[in-house]
Amino acid sequence: MKKFFLITVLFSLVLTPVYAQTVGTVSVNPDQSLSPAGSNISSKAKIILLISEQNIDSPRSAWWAGEVDLSATEAALAKQLLDAGFEILEPDVVGDIIKKDKAFRMVSMSDQSSVKLANMARADYAVVGKAVASAGGNVPHSSMRSCFANLTAKVINVKTGKIIAYLDASGNSAHMDVISGGREALVNAGGQIAGKIIEKLNSAPGGIVR
């Protein structure tokens, strides 16, 4: 019995170092941020959206000129930009800046003022544009009206003040109420141009900070 016990102890002493070397330890670099999936988290550029909007039978409006929220066009665009990982500057973030300068409270804000506002808001890029909805004829064999929207925009590098892209998109809808139809068309146009803007931002130098 004592002989069996001695053999067992010797056997365990031999295997312990081998097991320790096999298992080892896992070290984590405290300076490396990991996502839940274990991949590096990347931070992307800050974007300010300055797209005025005019729906059917409505005046042209813009959030920086007194509107509280982003327009329907901007909201659709913002959703896709956020999904792509970009940061969107909300109106309330720059509210105090706008209140101090009347030049920022005009619907038809100049590119110079747009870049100045974006710079003061610490944005990396400004998407400046105009979206307009219009009504067409009745849909055949229906009481619904055809509605259309056209959107033009330019992407400006705030740091350099240079325009890196001129883009356009269109959207359409059919609705019994032209105002609701116009809004749907504007949303569609915003969604259409989003992919183009994301592509330009991803390919722009400094567009993504990894």
N, C-alpha and C. Protein backbone atom coordinates (compact mmCIF):
# COMPACT_ATOMS: atom_id res chain seq x y z
N MET A 1 0.83 -1.21 0.00
CA MET A 1 0.00 0.00 0.00
C MET A 1 0.86 1.25 0.00
N LYS A 2 1.92 1.26 0.86
CA LYS A 2 2.81 2.41 0.92
C LYS A 2 3.54 2.59 -0.40
N LYS A 3 3.89 1.45 -1.04
CA LYS A 3 4.58 1.52 -2.33
C LYS A 3 3.68 2.14 -3.39
N PHE A 4 2.39 1.77 -3.38
CA PHE A 4 1.42 2.32 -4.36
C PHE A 4 1.25 3.82 -4.15
N PHE A 5 1.19 4.24 -2.88
CA PHE A 5 1.02 5.66 -2.55
C PHE A 5 2.22 6.47 -3.01
N LEU A 6 3.44 5.91 -2.82
CA LEU A 6 4.66 6.60 -3.22
C LEU A 6 4.71 6.77 -4.72
N ILE A 7 4.31 5.75 -5.47
CA ILE A 7 4.30 5.82 -6.94
C ILE A 7 3.33 6.89 -7.41
N THR A 8 2.17 6.98 -6.75
CA THR A 8 1.16 7.96 -7.13
C THR A 8 1.66 9.39 -6.93
N VAL A 9 2.33 9.64 -5.80
CA VAL A 9 2.87 10.96 -5.49
C VAL A 9 3.92 11.36 -6.51
N LEU A 10 4.83 10.43 -6.82
CA LEU A 10 5.88 10.72 -7.80
C LEU A 10 5.30 11.01 -9.18
N PHE A 11 4.28 10.28 -9.57
CA PHE A 11 3.62 10.46 -10.87
C PHE A 11 2.99 11.84 -10.97
N SER A 12 2.33 12.31 -9.88
CA SER A 12 1.67 13.61 -9.88
C SER A 12 2.68 14.74 -9.93
N LEU A 13 3.85 14.56 -9.28
CA LEU A 13 4.89 15.58 -9.29
C LEU A 13 5.50 15.76 -10.67
N VAL A 14 5.56 14.68 -11.43
CA VAL A 14 6.11 14.74 -12.79
C VAL A 14 5.15 15.45 -13.73
N LEU A 15 3.84 15.18 -13.59
CA LEU A 15 2.85 15.72 -14.52
C LEU A 15 2.50 17.17 -14.26
N THR A 16 2.63 17.66 -12.99
CA THR A 16 2.20 19.02 -12.64
C THR A 16 2.86 20.10 -13.48
N PRO A 17 4.20 20.14 -13.69
CA PRO A 17 4.82 21.18 -14.53
C PRO A 17 4.34 21.13 -15.96
N VAL A 18 4.17 19.87 -16.49
CA VAL A 18 3.72 19.72 -17.87
C VAL A 18 2.34 20.32 -18.05
N TYR A 19 1.45 20.05 -17.11
CA TYR A 19 0.07 20.57 -17.16
C TYR A 19 0.06 22.09 -17.09
N ALA A 20 0.93 22.63 -16.20
CA ALA A 20 1.00 24.09 -16.04
C ALA A 20 1.46 24.76 -17.32
N GLN A 21 2.46 24.13 -18.01
CA GLN A 21 2.94 24.70 -19.26
C GLN A 21 1.89 24.63 -20.34
N THR A 22 1.09 23.56 -20.34
CA THR A 22 0.06 23.38 -21.37
C THR A 22 -1.05 24.39 -21.22
N VAL A 23 -1.51 24.60 -19.96
CA VAL A 23 -2.62 25.52 -19.72
C VAL A 23 -2.17 26.96 -19.92
N GLY A 24 -1.03 27.36 -19.32
CA GLY A 24 -0.50 28.71 -19.45
C GLY A 24 -1.45 29.74 -18.88
N THR A 25 -1.20 31.00 -19.24
CA THR A 25 -2.06 32.11 -18.80
C THR A 25 -2.44 32.97 -19.97
N VAL A 26 -3.57 33.67 -19.87
CA VAL A 26 -4.04 34.57 -20.91
C VAL A 26 -3.91 35.98 -20.40
N SER A 27 -3.16 36.81 -21.10
CA SER A 27 -2.97 38.20 -20.68
C SER A 27 -3.81 39.12 -21.54
N VAL A 28 -4.29 40.20 -20.96
CA VAL A 28 -5.10 41.18 -21.67
C VAL A 28 -4.41 42.52 -21.60
N ASN A 29 -4.24 43.13 -22.75
CA ASN A 29 -3.63 44.45 -22.81
C ASN A 29 -4.66 45.48 -22.38
N PRO A 30 -4.46 46.19 -21.27
CA PRO A 30 -5.46 47.14 -20.77
C PRO A 30 -5.69 48.31 -21.71
N ASP A 31 -4.74 48.56 -22.63
CA ASP A 31 -4.89 49.68 -23.55
C ASP A 31 -5.69 49.31 -24.78
N GLN A 32 -6.05 48.02 -24.93
CA GLN A 32 -6.78 47.57 -26.11
C GLN A 32 -8.25 47.41 -25.79
N SER A 33 -9.10 48.15 -26.50
CA SER A 33 -10.55 48.06 -26.29
C SER A 33 -11.10 46.95 -27.16
N LEU A 34 -11.95 46.12 -26.59
CA LEU A 34 -12.52 45.01 -27.33
C LEU A 34 -14.03 45.11 -27.34
N SER A 35 -14.61 44.72 -28.43
CA SER A 35 -16.06 44.64 -28.52
C SER A 35 -16.49 43.33 -27.92
N PRO A 36 -17.82 43.12 -27.71
CA PRO A 36 -18.28 41.86 -27.15
C PRO A 36 -17.83 40.66 -27.97
N ALA A 37 -17.62 40.86 -29.28
CA ALA A 37 -17.21 39.75 -30.14
C ALA A 37 -15.70 39.57 -30.13
N GLY A 38 -14.98 40.48 -29.45
CA GLY A 38 -13.54 40.36 -29.36
C GLY A 38 -12.80 41.17 -30.39
N SER A 39 -13.48 41.93 -31.23
CA SER A 39 -12.82 42.71 -32.27
C SER A 39 -12.56 44.12 -31.76
N ASN A 40 -11.58 44.78 -32.37
CA ASN A 40 -11.25 46.14 -31.96
C ASN A 40 -12.39 47.09 -32.27
N ILE A 41 -12.69 47.98 -31.33
CA ILE A 41 -13.72 48.99 -31.55
C ILE A 41 -13.08 50.17 -32.26
N SER A 42 -13.67 50.64 -33.34
CA SER A 42 -13.14 51.80 -34.05
C SER A 42 -14.08 52.98 -33.87
N SER A 43 -13.50 54.16 -33.75
CA SER A 43 -14.31 55.36 -33.64
C SER A 43 -14.28 56.08 -34.97
N LYS A 44 -15.43 56.64 -35.38
CA LYS A 44 -15.51 57.26 -36.69
C LYS A 44 -15.80 58.74 -36.59
N ALA A 45 -15.81 59.37 -37.75
CA ALA A 45 -15.93 60.82 -37.82
C ALA A 45 -17.27 61.34 -37.31
N LYS A 46 -17.24 62.57 -36.83
CA LYS A 46 -18.45 63.26 -36.38
C LYS A 46 -19.06 64.03 -37.56
N ILE A 47 -20.36 63.84 -37.77
CA ILE A 47 -21.04 64.45 -38.90
C ILE A 47 -22.13 65.40 -38.43
N ILE A 48 -22.22 66.56 -39.07
CA ILE A 48 -23.34 67.46 -38.81
C ILE A 48 -24.17 67.55 -40.10
N LEU A 49 -25.46 67.35 -39.98
CA LEU A 49 -26.37 67.36 -41.14
C LEU A 49 -27.06 68.71 -41.24
N LEU A 50 -26.88 69.37 -42.37
CA LEU A 50 -27.46 70.69 -42.60
C LEU A 50 -28.22 70.67 -43.92
N ILE A 51 -29.33 69.91 -43.93
CA ILE A 51 -30.14 69.77 -45.14
C ILE A 51 -31.51 70.41 -44.91
N SER A 52 -31.77 71.48 -45.62
CA SER A 52 -33.09 72.12 -45.52
C SER A 52 -34.11 71.27 -46.27
N GLU A 53 -35.37 71.41 -45.90
CA GLU A 53 -36.41 70.54 -46.47
C GLU A 53 -37.67 71.33 -46.78
N GLN A 54 -38.30 70.99 -47.89
CA GLN A 54 -39.57 71.61 -48.26
C GLN A 54 -40.53 70.53 -48.73
N ASN A 55 -41.53 70.27 -47.92
CA ASN A 55 -42.54 69.29 -48.28
C ASN A 55 -43.61 69.95 -49.15
N ILE A 56 -44.50 69.18 -49.69
CA ILE A 56 -45.58 69.67 -50.56
C ILE A 56 -46.49 70.61 -49.76
N ASP A 57 -46.79 71.75 -50.36
CA ASP A 57 -47.66 72.77 -49.72
C ASP A 57 -47.12 73.24 -48.37
N SER A 58 -45.81 73.18 -48.19
CA SER A 58 -45.21 73.63 -46.93
C SER A 58 -44.01 74.53 -47.24
N PRO A 59 -43.72 75.46 -46.33
CA PRO A 59 -42.56 76.34 -46.55
C PRO A 59 -41.26 75.58 -46.33
N ARG A 60 -40.20 76.09 -46.89
CA ARG A 60 -38.88 75.49 -46.70
C ARG A 60 -38.45 75.73 -45.26
N SER A 61 -37.91 74.71 -44.61
CA SER A 61 -37.54 74.82 -43.20
C SER A 61 -36.22 74.13 -42.93
N ALA A 62 -35.63 74.45 -41.77
CA ALA A 62 -34.37 73.84 -41.36
C ALA A 62 -34.28 73.91 -39.84
N TRP A 63 -33.72 72.88 -39.22
CA TRP A 63 -33.67 72.84 -37.76
C TRP A 63 -32.83 73.97 -37.19
N TRP A 64 -31.76 74.38 -37.89
CA TRP A 64 -30.91 75.44 -37.37
C TRP A 64 -31.56 76.83 -37.47
N ALA A 65 -32.65 76.91 -38.25
CA ALA A 65 -33.35 78.19 -38.39
C ALA A 65 -34.55 78.27 -37.47
N GLY A 66 -34.68 77.32 -36.55
CA GLY A 66 -35.77 77.39 -35.59
C GLY A 66 -36.48 76.07 -35.36
N GLU A 67 -36.31 75.11 -36.28
CA GLU A 67 -36.94 73.80 -36.10
C GLU A 67 -36.23 73.05 -34.97
N VAL A 68 -36.97 72.27 -34.22
CA VAL A 68 -36.41 71.58 -33.05
C VAL A 68 -35.65 70.32 -33.46
N ASP A 69 -36.23 69.55 -34.36
CA ASP A 69 -35.66 68.25 -34.70
C ASP A 69 -35.09 68.23 -36.12
N LEU A 70 -34.36 67.17 -36.40
CA LEU A 70 -33.89 66.95 -37.77
C LEU A 70 -35.08 66.76 -38.69
N SER A 71 -34.92 67.13 -39.94
CA SER A 71 -36.00 66.95 -40.92
C SER A 71 -36.17 65.47 -41.22
N ALA A 72 -37.24 65.13 -41.95
CA ALA A 72 -37.49 63.73 -42.32
C ALA A 72 -36.34 63.20 -43.16
N THR A 73 -35.83 64.03 -44.05
CA THR A 73 -34.70 63.64 -44.89
C THR A 73 -33.47 63.36 -44.04
N GLU A 74 -33.16 64.28 -43.13
CA GLU A 74 -31.99 64.13 -42.27
C GLU A 74 -32.13 62.94 -41.34
N ALA A 75 -33.33 62.70 -40.84
CA ALA A 75 -33.55 61.58 -39.92
C ALA A 75 -33.27 60.25 -40.62
N ALA A 76 -33.73 60.13 -41.87
CA ALA A 76 -33.49 58.89 -42.63
C ALA A 76 -32.01 58.71 -42.91
N LEU A 77 -31.34 59.81 -43.23
CA LEU A 77 -29.90 59.77 -43.49
C LEU A 77 -29.13 59.47 -42.22
N ALA A 78 -29.52 60.09 -41.12
CA ALA A 78 -28.84 59.90 -39.84
C ALA A 78 -28.89 58.44 -39.39
N LYS A 79 -30.03 57.80 -39.60
CA LYS A 79 -30.18 56.41 -39.18
C LYS A 79 -29.12 55.52 -39.83
N GLN A 80 -28.93 55.69 -41.12
CA GLN A 80 -27.97 54.84 -41.82
C GLN A 80 -26.53 55.20 -41.46
N LEU A 81 -26.27 56.48 -41.23
CA LEU A 81 -24.93 56.89 -40.82
C LEU A 81 -24.59 56.32 -39.43
N LEU A 82 -25.58 56.35 -38.55
CA LEU A 82 -25.39 55.79 -37.21
C LEU A 82 -25.15 54.28 -37.29
N ASP A 83 -25.93 53.61 -38.14
CA ASP A 83 -25.76 52.17 -38.31
C ASP A 83 -24.38 51.83 -38.85
N ALA A 84 -23.80 52.78 -39.61
CA ALA A 84 -22.47 52.56 -40.18
C ALA A 84 -21.37 52.91 -39.18
N GLY A 85 -21.77 53.44 -38.01
CA GLY A 85 -20.80 53.71 -36.96
C GLY A 85 -20.39 55.16 -36.81
N PHE A 86 -20.94 56.04 -37.65
CA PHE A 86 -20.60 57.46 -37.54
C PHE A 86 -21.38 58.11 -36.41
N GLU A 87 -20.86 59.22 -35.93
CA GLU A 87 -21.52 59.98 -34.87
C GLU A 87 -22.23 61.19 -35.47
N ILE A 88 -23.52 61.33 -35.18
CA ILE A 88 -24.31 62.44 -35.71
C ILE A 88 -24.50 63.48 -34.61
N LEU A 89 -24.17 64.72 -34.92
CA LEU A 89 -24.36 65.80 -33.95
C LEU A 89 -25.82 66.24 -33.97
N GLU A 90 -26.50 66.09 -32.85
CA GLU A 90 -27.91 66.45 -32.74
C GLU A 90 -28.06 67.97 -32.62
N PRO A 91 -29.23 68.50 -33.02
CA PRO A 91 -29.47 69.95 -32.93
C PRO A 91 -29.21 70.55 -31.56
N ASP A 92 -29.58 69.83 -30.50
CA ASP A 92 -29.40 70.42 -29.16
C ASP A 92 -27.94 70.56 -28.76
N VAL A 93 -27.05 69.83 -29.46
CA VAL A 93 -25.63 69.92 -29.16
C VAL A 93 -25.07 71.29 -29.57
N VAL A 94 -25.62 71.86 -30.65
CA VAL A 94 -25.13 73.15 -31.16
C VAL A 94 -26.13 74.27 -30.93
N GLY A 95 -27.13 74.01 -30.12
CA GLY A 95 -28.18 75.01 -29.87
C GLY A 95 -27.64 76.32 -29.34
N ASP A 96 -26.72 76.27 -28.39
CA ASP A 96 -26.18 77.49 -27.80
C ASP A 96 -25.36 78.29 -28.81
N ILE A 97 -24.65 77.58 -29.69
CA ILE A 97 -23.84 78.25 -30.72
C ILE A 97 -24.74 79.03 -31.66
N ILE A 98 -25.84 78.42 -32.08
CA ILE A 98 -26.77 79.04 -33.04
C ILE A 98 -27.42 80.28 -32.43
N LYS A 99 -27.77 80.22 -31.17
CA LYS A 99 -28.44 81.34 -30.52
C LYS A 99 -27.57 82.60 -30.47
N LYS A 100 -26.26 82.41 -30.46
CA LYS A 100 -25.34 83.54 -30.32
C LYS A 100 -25.03 84.23 -31.64
N ASP A 101 -25.37 83.60 -32.78
CA ASP A 101 -25.03 84.18 -34.08
C ASP A 101 -26.21 84.06 -35.03
N LYS A 102 -26.75 85.20 -35.47
CA LYS A 102 -27.91 85.21 -36.36
C LYS A 102 -27.62 84.60 -37.73
N ALA A 103 -26.35 84.60 -38.12
CA ALA A 103 -25.97 84.04 -39.41
C ALA A 103 -26.27 82.55 -39.50
N PHE A 104 -26.36 81.91 -38.34
CA PHE A 104 -26.63 80.47 -38.29
C PHE A 104 -28.13 80.17 -38.27
N ARG A 105 -28.96 81.20 -38.23
CA ARG A 105 -30.41 80.99 -38.12
C ARG A 105 -31.16 81.26 -39.42
N MET A 106 -30.45 81.19 -40.53
CA MET A 106 -31.07 81.38 -41.83
C MET A 106 -31.23 80.04 -42.53
N VAL A 107 -32.40 79.83 -43.14
CA VAL A 107 -32.64 78.57 -43.85
C VAL A 107 -31.63 78.40 -44.97
N SER A 108 -31.40 79.48 -45.73
CA SER A 108 -30.42 79.43 -46.82
C SER A 108 -29.05 79.85 -46.29
N MET A 109 -28.48 79.05 -45.44
CA MET A 109 -27.18 79.36 -44.85
C MET A 109 -26.09 79.12 -45.87
N SER A 110 -25.14 80.02 -45.95
CA SER A 110 -24.05 79.91 -46.92
C SER A 110 -23.10 78.77 -46.54
N ASP A 111 -22.31 78.32 -47.51
CA ASP A 111 -21.33 77.27 -47.23
C ASP A 111 -20.33 77.73 -46.18
N GLN A 112 -19.96 79.00 -46.26
CA GLN A 112 -19.00 79.55 -45.31
C GLN A 112 -19.54 79.47 -43.87
N SER A 113 -20.82 79.86 -43.71
CA SER A 113 -21.44 79.80 -42.39
C SER A 113 -21.63 78.35 -41.94
N SER A 114 -21.95 77.48 -42.89
CA SER A 114 -22.14 76.06 -42.57
C SER A 114 -20.85 75.46 -42.04
N VAL A 115 -19.73 75.77 -42.70
CA VAL A 115 -18.43 75.25 -42.26
C VAL A 115 -18.05 75.85 -40.91
N LYS A 116 -18.35 77.12 -40.72
CA LYS A 116 -18.05 77.78 -39.45
C LYS A 116 -18.83 77.13 -38.31
N LEU A 117 -20.12 76.89 -38.54
CA LEU A 117 -20.94 76.24 -37.52
C LEU A 117 -20.43 74.84 -37.23
N ALA A 118 -20.12 74.09 -38.29
CA ALA A 118 -19.61 72.72 -38.13
C ALA A 118 -18.30 72.72 -37.36
N ASN A 119 -17.45 73.69 -37.64
CA ASN A 119 -16.16 73.79 -36.96
C ASN A 119 -16.34 74.10 -35.48
N MET A 120 -17.26 75.02 -35.17
CA MET A 120 -17.52 75.37 -33.78
C MET A 120 -18.14 74.20 -33.02
N ALA A 121 -18.88 73.35 -33.75
CA ALA A 121 -19.49 72.17 -33.14
C ALA A 121 -18.53 70.99 -33.09
N ARG A 122 -17.30 71.21 -33.59
CA ARG A 122 -16.26 70.19 -33.60
C ARG A 122 -16.63 68.98 -34.44
N ALA A 123 -17.31 69.25 -35.55
CA ALA A 123 -17.64 68.18 -36.48
C ALA A 123 -16.46 67.97 -37.44
N ASP A 124 -16.34 66.76 -37.96
CA ASP A 124 -15.30 66.46 -38.93
C ASP A 124 -15.78 66.73 -40.35
N TYR A 125 -17.07 66.45 -40.58
CA TYR A 125 -17.65 66.66 -41.90
C TYR A 125 -19.04 67.28 -41.77
N ALA A 126 -19.39 68.09 -42.76
CA ALA A 126 -20.73 68.68 -42.82
C ALA A 126 -21.39 68.21 -44.11
N VAL A 127 -22.62 67.75 -43.99
CA VAL A 127 -23.41 67.37 -45.17
C VAL A 127 -24.43 68.48 -45.37
N VAL A 128 -24.21 69.29 -46.39
CA VAL A 128 -25.04 70.46 -46.66
C VAL A 128 -25.88 70.21 -47.90
N GLY A 129 -27.19 70.49 -47.82
CA GLY A 129 -28.01 70.23 -48.99
C GLY A 129 -29.42 70.76 -48.90
N LYS A 130 -30.23 70.36 -49.86
CA LYS A 130 -31.61 70.82 -49.96
C LYS A 130 -32.47 69.68 -50.50
N ALA A 131 -33.62 69.48 -49.87
CA ALA A 131 -34.56 68.43 -50.29
C ALA A 131 -35.92 69.06 -50.55
N VAL A 132 -36.50 68.77 -51.70
CA VAL A 132 -37.79 69.35 -52.09
C VAL A 132 -38.73 68.26 -52.59
N ALA A 133 -39.95 68.25 -52.07
CA ALA A 133 -40.96 67.28 -52.50
C ALA A 133 -42.00 67.97 -53.37
N SER A 134 -42.56 67.22 -54.31
CA SER A 134 -43.59 67.76 -55.20
C SER A 134 -44.63 66.68 -55.49
N ALA A 135 -45.80 67.11 -55.90
CA ALA A 135 -46.90 66.18 -56.17
C ALA A 135 -47.09 66.01 -57.67
N GLY A 136 -47.40 64.78 -58.07
CA GLY A 136 -47.67 64.49 -59.47
C GLY A 136 -49.15 64.21 -59.67
N GLY A 137 -49.45 63.45 -60.68
CA GLY A 137 -50.85 63.13 -60.98
C GLY A 137 -51.37 61.98 -60.15
N ASN A 138 -52.64 61.65 -60.39
CA ASN A 138 -53.24 60.53 -59.69
C ASN A 138 -52.69 59.20 -60.21
N VAL A 139 -52.58 58.25 -59.31
CA VAL A 139 -52.17 56.91 -59.70
C VAL A 139 -53.34 56.29 -60.48
N PRO A 140 -53.09 55.69 -61.65
CA PRO A 140 -54.17 55.10 -62.45
C PRO A 140 -55.05 54.14 -61.64
N HIS A 141 -56.35 54.30 -61.81
CA HIS A 141 -57.33 53.44 -61.15
C HIS A 141 -57.21 53.52 -59.63
N SER A 142 -56.88 54.69 -59.13
CA SER A 142 -56.70 54.85 -57.68
C SER A 142 -56.98 56.31 -57.30
N SER A 143 -57.29 56.51 -56.04
CA SER A 143 -57.49 57.87 -55.52
C SER A 143 -56.21 58.44 -54.93
N MET A 144 -55.10 57.71 -55.07
CA MET A 144 -53.83 58.16 -54.52
C MET A 144 -53.09 59.06 -55.50
N ARG A 145 -52.26 59.95 -54.94
CA ARG A 145 -51.45 60.86 -55.75
C ARG A 145 -50.00 60.40 -55.76
N SER A 146 -49.34 60.62 -56.87
CA SER A 146 -47.91 60.34 -56.97
C SER A 146 -47.14 61.50 -56.34
N CYS A 147 -46.13 61.18 -55.56
CA CYS A 147 -45.32 62.20 -54.90
C CYS A 147 -43.84 61.92 -55.17
N PHE A 148 -43.09 62.99 -55.35
CA PHE A 148 -41.68 62.85 -55.69
C PHE A 148 -40.84 63.77 -54.80
N ALA A 149 -39.57 63.42 -54.65
CA ALA A 149 -38.65 64.25 -53.87
C ALA A 149 -37.29 64.24 -54.54
N ASN A 150 -36.66 65.39 -54.60
CA ASN A 150 -35.30 65.52 -55.12
C ASN A 150 -34.39 66.06 -54.02
N LEU A 151 -33.23 65.47 -53.91
CA LEU A 151 -32.28 65.85 -52.86
C LEU A 151 -30.90 66.06 -53.46
N THR A 152 -30.33 67.23 -53.21
CA THR A 152 -28.96 67.52 -53.61
C THR A 152 -28.15 67.83 -52.36
N ALA A 153 -26.92 67.36 -52.32
CA ALA A 153 -26.10 67.57 -51.13
C ALA A 153 -24.63 67.57 -51.50
N LYS A 154 -23.84 68.18 -50.64
CA LYS A 154 -22.40 68.15 -50.78
C LYS A 154 -21.78 67.82 -49.43
N VAL A 155 -20.71 67.09 -49.48
CA VAL A 155 -20.00 66.69 -48.26
C VAL A 155 -18.76 67.56 -48.15
N ILE A 156 -18.63 68.26 -47.04
CA ILE A 156 -17.53 69.20 -46.85
C ILE A 156 -16.61 68.74 -45.72
N ASN A 157 -15.33 68.73 -45.99
CA ASN A 157 -14.33 68.47 -44.96
C ASN A 157 -14.20 69.74 -44.14
N VAL A 158 -14.60 69.70 -42.90
CA VAL A 158 -14.65 70.90 -42.06
C VAL A 158 -13.25 71.47 -41.82
N LYS A 159 -12.28 70.62 -41.63
CA LYS A 159 -10.93 71.08 -41.32
C LYS A 159 -10.33 71.87 -42.47
N THR A 160 -10.53 71.39 -43.70
CA THR A 160 -9.94 72.06 -44.87
C THR A 160 -10.91 73.01 -45.56
N GLY A 161 -12.22 72.82 -45.30
CA GLY A 161 -13.22 73.64 -45.96
C GLY A 161 -13.48 73.22 -47.40
N LYS A 162 -12.89 72.11 -47.82
CA LYS A 162 -13.04 71.65 -49.20
C LYS A 162 -14.23 70.71 -49.36
N ILE A 163 -14.90 70.84 -50.49
CA ILE A 163 -16.02 69.94 -50.82
C ILE A 163 -15.43 68.66 -51.40
N ILE A 164 -15.74 67.53 -50.78
CA ILE A 164 -15.18 66.26 -51.25
C ILE A 164 -16.15 65.48 -52.12
N ALA A 165 -17.41 65.90 -52.17
CA ALA A 165 -18.39 65.19 -53.00
C ALA A 165 -19.64 66.01 -53.23
N TYR A 166 -20.14 65.95 -54.47
CA TYR A 166 -21.46 66.49 -54.83
C TYR A 166 -22.35 65.29 -55.12
N LEU A 167 -23.48 65.20 -54.44
CA LEU A 167 -24.33 64.03 -54.58
C LEU A 167 -25.79 64.43 -54.78
N ASP A 168 -26.56 63.53 -55.36
CA ASP A 168 -28.00 63.77 -55.50
C ASP A 168 -28.74 62.45 -55.42
N ALA A 169 -30.01 62.55 -55.11
CA ALA A 169 -30.86 61.35 -55.00
C ALA A 169 -32.31 61.77 -55.17
N SER A 170 -33.15 60.79 -55.42
CA SER A 170 -34.58 61.06 -55.59
C SER A 170 -35.37 59.96 -54.89
N GLY A 171 -36.60 60.29 -54.55
CA GLY A 171 -37.49 59.33 -53.91
C GLY A 171 -38.90 59.53 -54.41
N ASN A 172 -39.72 58.52 -54.29
CA ASN A 172 -41.11 58.64 -54.73
C ASN A 172 -42.03 57.88 -53.80
N SER A 173 -43.30 58.21 -53.90
CA SER A 173 -44.30 57.58 -53.05
C SER A 173 -45.67 57.79 -53.66
N ALA A 174 -46.63 57.03 -53.19
CA ALA A 174 -48.03 57.20 -53.61
C ALA A 174 -48.88 57.20 -52.34
N HIS A 175 -49.71 58.25 -52.22
CA HIS A 175 -50.47 58.38 -50.98
C HIS A 175 -51.74 59.19 -51.25
N MET A 176 -52.78 58.93 -50.47
CA MET A 176 -54.01 59.70 -50.61
C MET A 176 -53.82 61.13 -50.12
N ASP A 177 -52.94 61.30 -49.15
CA ASP A 177 -52.63 62.64 -48.63
C ASP A 177 -51.26 63.06 -49.17
N VAL A 178 -51.19 64.16 -49.91
CA VAL A 178 -49.95 64.54 -50.56
C VAL A 178 -48.85 64.94 -49.56
N ILE A 179 -49.23 65.48 -48.43
CA ILE A 179 -48.23 65.86 -47.44
C ILE A 179 -47.54 64.62 -46.86
N SER A 180 -48.36 63.61 -46.55
CA SER A 180 -47.80 62.35 -46.06
C SER A 180 -46.99 61.67 -47.16
N GLY A 181 -47.51 61.75 -48.39
CA GLY A 181 -46.79 61.17 -49.52
C GLY A 181 -45.47 61.87 -49.77
N GLY A 182 -45.48 63.20 -49.64
CA GLY A 182 -44.26 63.96 -49.82
C GLY A 182 -43.22 63.60 -48.78
N ARG A 183 -43.68 63.42 -47.56
CA ARG A 183 -42.76 63.03 -46.47
C ARG A 183 -42.14 61.67 -46.76
N GLU A 184 -42.94 60.73 -47.22
CA GLU A 184 -42.41 59.41 -47.55
C GLU A 184 -41.38 59.50 -48.67
N ALA A 185 -41.65 60.34 -49.66
CA ALA A 185 -40.71 60.51 -50.77
C ALA A 185 -39.40 61.13 -50.28
N LEU A 186 -39.49 62.08 -49.36
CA LEU A 186 -38.30 62.71 -48.79
C LEU A 186 -37.47 61.69 -48.00
N VAL A 187 -38.15 60.86 -47.23
CA VAL A 187 -37.47 59.82 -46.47
C VAL A 187 -36.74 58.85 -47.42
N ASN A 188 -37.42 58.49 -48.51
CA ASN A 188 -36.81 57.59 -49.49
C ASN A 188 -35.57 58.22 -50.12
N ALA A 189 -35.65 59.50 -50.40
CA ALA A 189 -34.50 60.20 -50.98
C ALA A 189 -33.33 60.23 -50.01
N GLY A 190 -33.64 60.47 -48.72
CA GLY A 190 -32.60 60.47 -47.71
C GLY A 190 -31.92 59.12 -47.59
N GLY A 191 -32.72 58.06 -47.67
CA GLY A 191 -32.16 56.72 -47.62
C GLY A 191 -31.32 56.40 -48.84
N GLN A 192 -31.73 56.93 -50.00
CA GLN A 192 -31.00 56.68 -51.24
C GLN A 192 -29.61 57.31 -51.22
N ILE A 193 -29.53 58.52 -50.69
CA ILE A 193 -28.24 59.23 -50.71
C ILE A 193 -27.30 58.77 -49.59
N ALA A 194 -27.84 58.12 -48.60
CA ALA A 194 -27.04 57.71 -47.44
C ALA A 194 -25.87 56.81 -47.85
N GLY A 195 -26.15 55.82 -48.68
CA GLY A 195 -25.09 54.90 -49.10
C GLY A 195 -23.96 55.61 -49.82
N LYS A 196 -24.31 56.60 -50.63
CA LYS A 196 -23.30 57.35 -51.37
C LYS A 196 -22.41 58.16 -50.42
N ILE A 197 -23.05 58.76 -49.42
CA ILE A 197 -22.29 59.56 -48.45
C ILE A 197 -21.37 58.68 -47.61
N ILE A 198 -21.88 57.54 -47.18
CA ILE A 198 -21.07 56.61 -46.39
C ILE A 198 -19.84 56.15 -47.18
N GLU A 199 -20.04 55.87 -48.46
CA GLU A 199 -18.93 55.44 -49.31
C GLU A 199 -17.87 56.54 -49.42
N LYS A 200 -18.32 57.78 -49.60
CA LYS A 200 -17.38 58.90 -49.73
C LYS A 200 -16.63 59.13 -48.42
N LEU A 201 -17.33 59.05 -47.31
CA LEU A 201 -16.70 59.28 -46.01
C LEU A 201 -15.69 58.17 -45.68
N ASN A 202 -16.03 56.95 -46.00
CA ASN A 202 -15.12 55.84 -45.73
C ASN A 202 -13.86 55.90 -46.57
N SER A 203 -13.97 56.48 -47.75
CA SER A 203 -12.81 56.56 -48.64
C SER A 203 -12.03 57.85 -48.46
N ALA A 204 -12.58 58.79 -47.70
CA ALA A 204 -11.91 60.07 -47.50
C ALA A 204 -10.78 59.94 -46.50
N PRO A 205 -9.63 60.59 -46.75
CA PRO A 205 -8.52 60.55 -45.77
C PRO A 205 -8.97 61.09 -44.42
N GLY A 206 -8.78 60.34 -43.38
CA GLY A 206 -9.20 60.79 -42.05
C GLY A 206 -10.66 60.57 -41.79
N GLY A 207 -11.37 59.95 -42.72
CA GLY A 207 -12.79 59.71 -42.53
C GLY A 207 -13.06 58.76 -41.38
N ILE A 208 -12.14 57.80 -41.21
CA ILE A 208 -12.28 56.85 -40.11
C ILE A 208 -10.99 56.86 -39.30
N VAL A 209 -11.13 56.99 -38.01
CA VAL A 209 -9.97 56.93 -37.13
C VAL A 209 -9.97 55.56 -36.47
N ARG A 210 -8.98 54.76 -36.80
CA ARG A 210 -8.94 53.39 -36.25
C ARG A 210 -7.90 53.30 -35.15
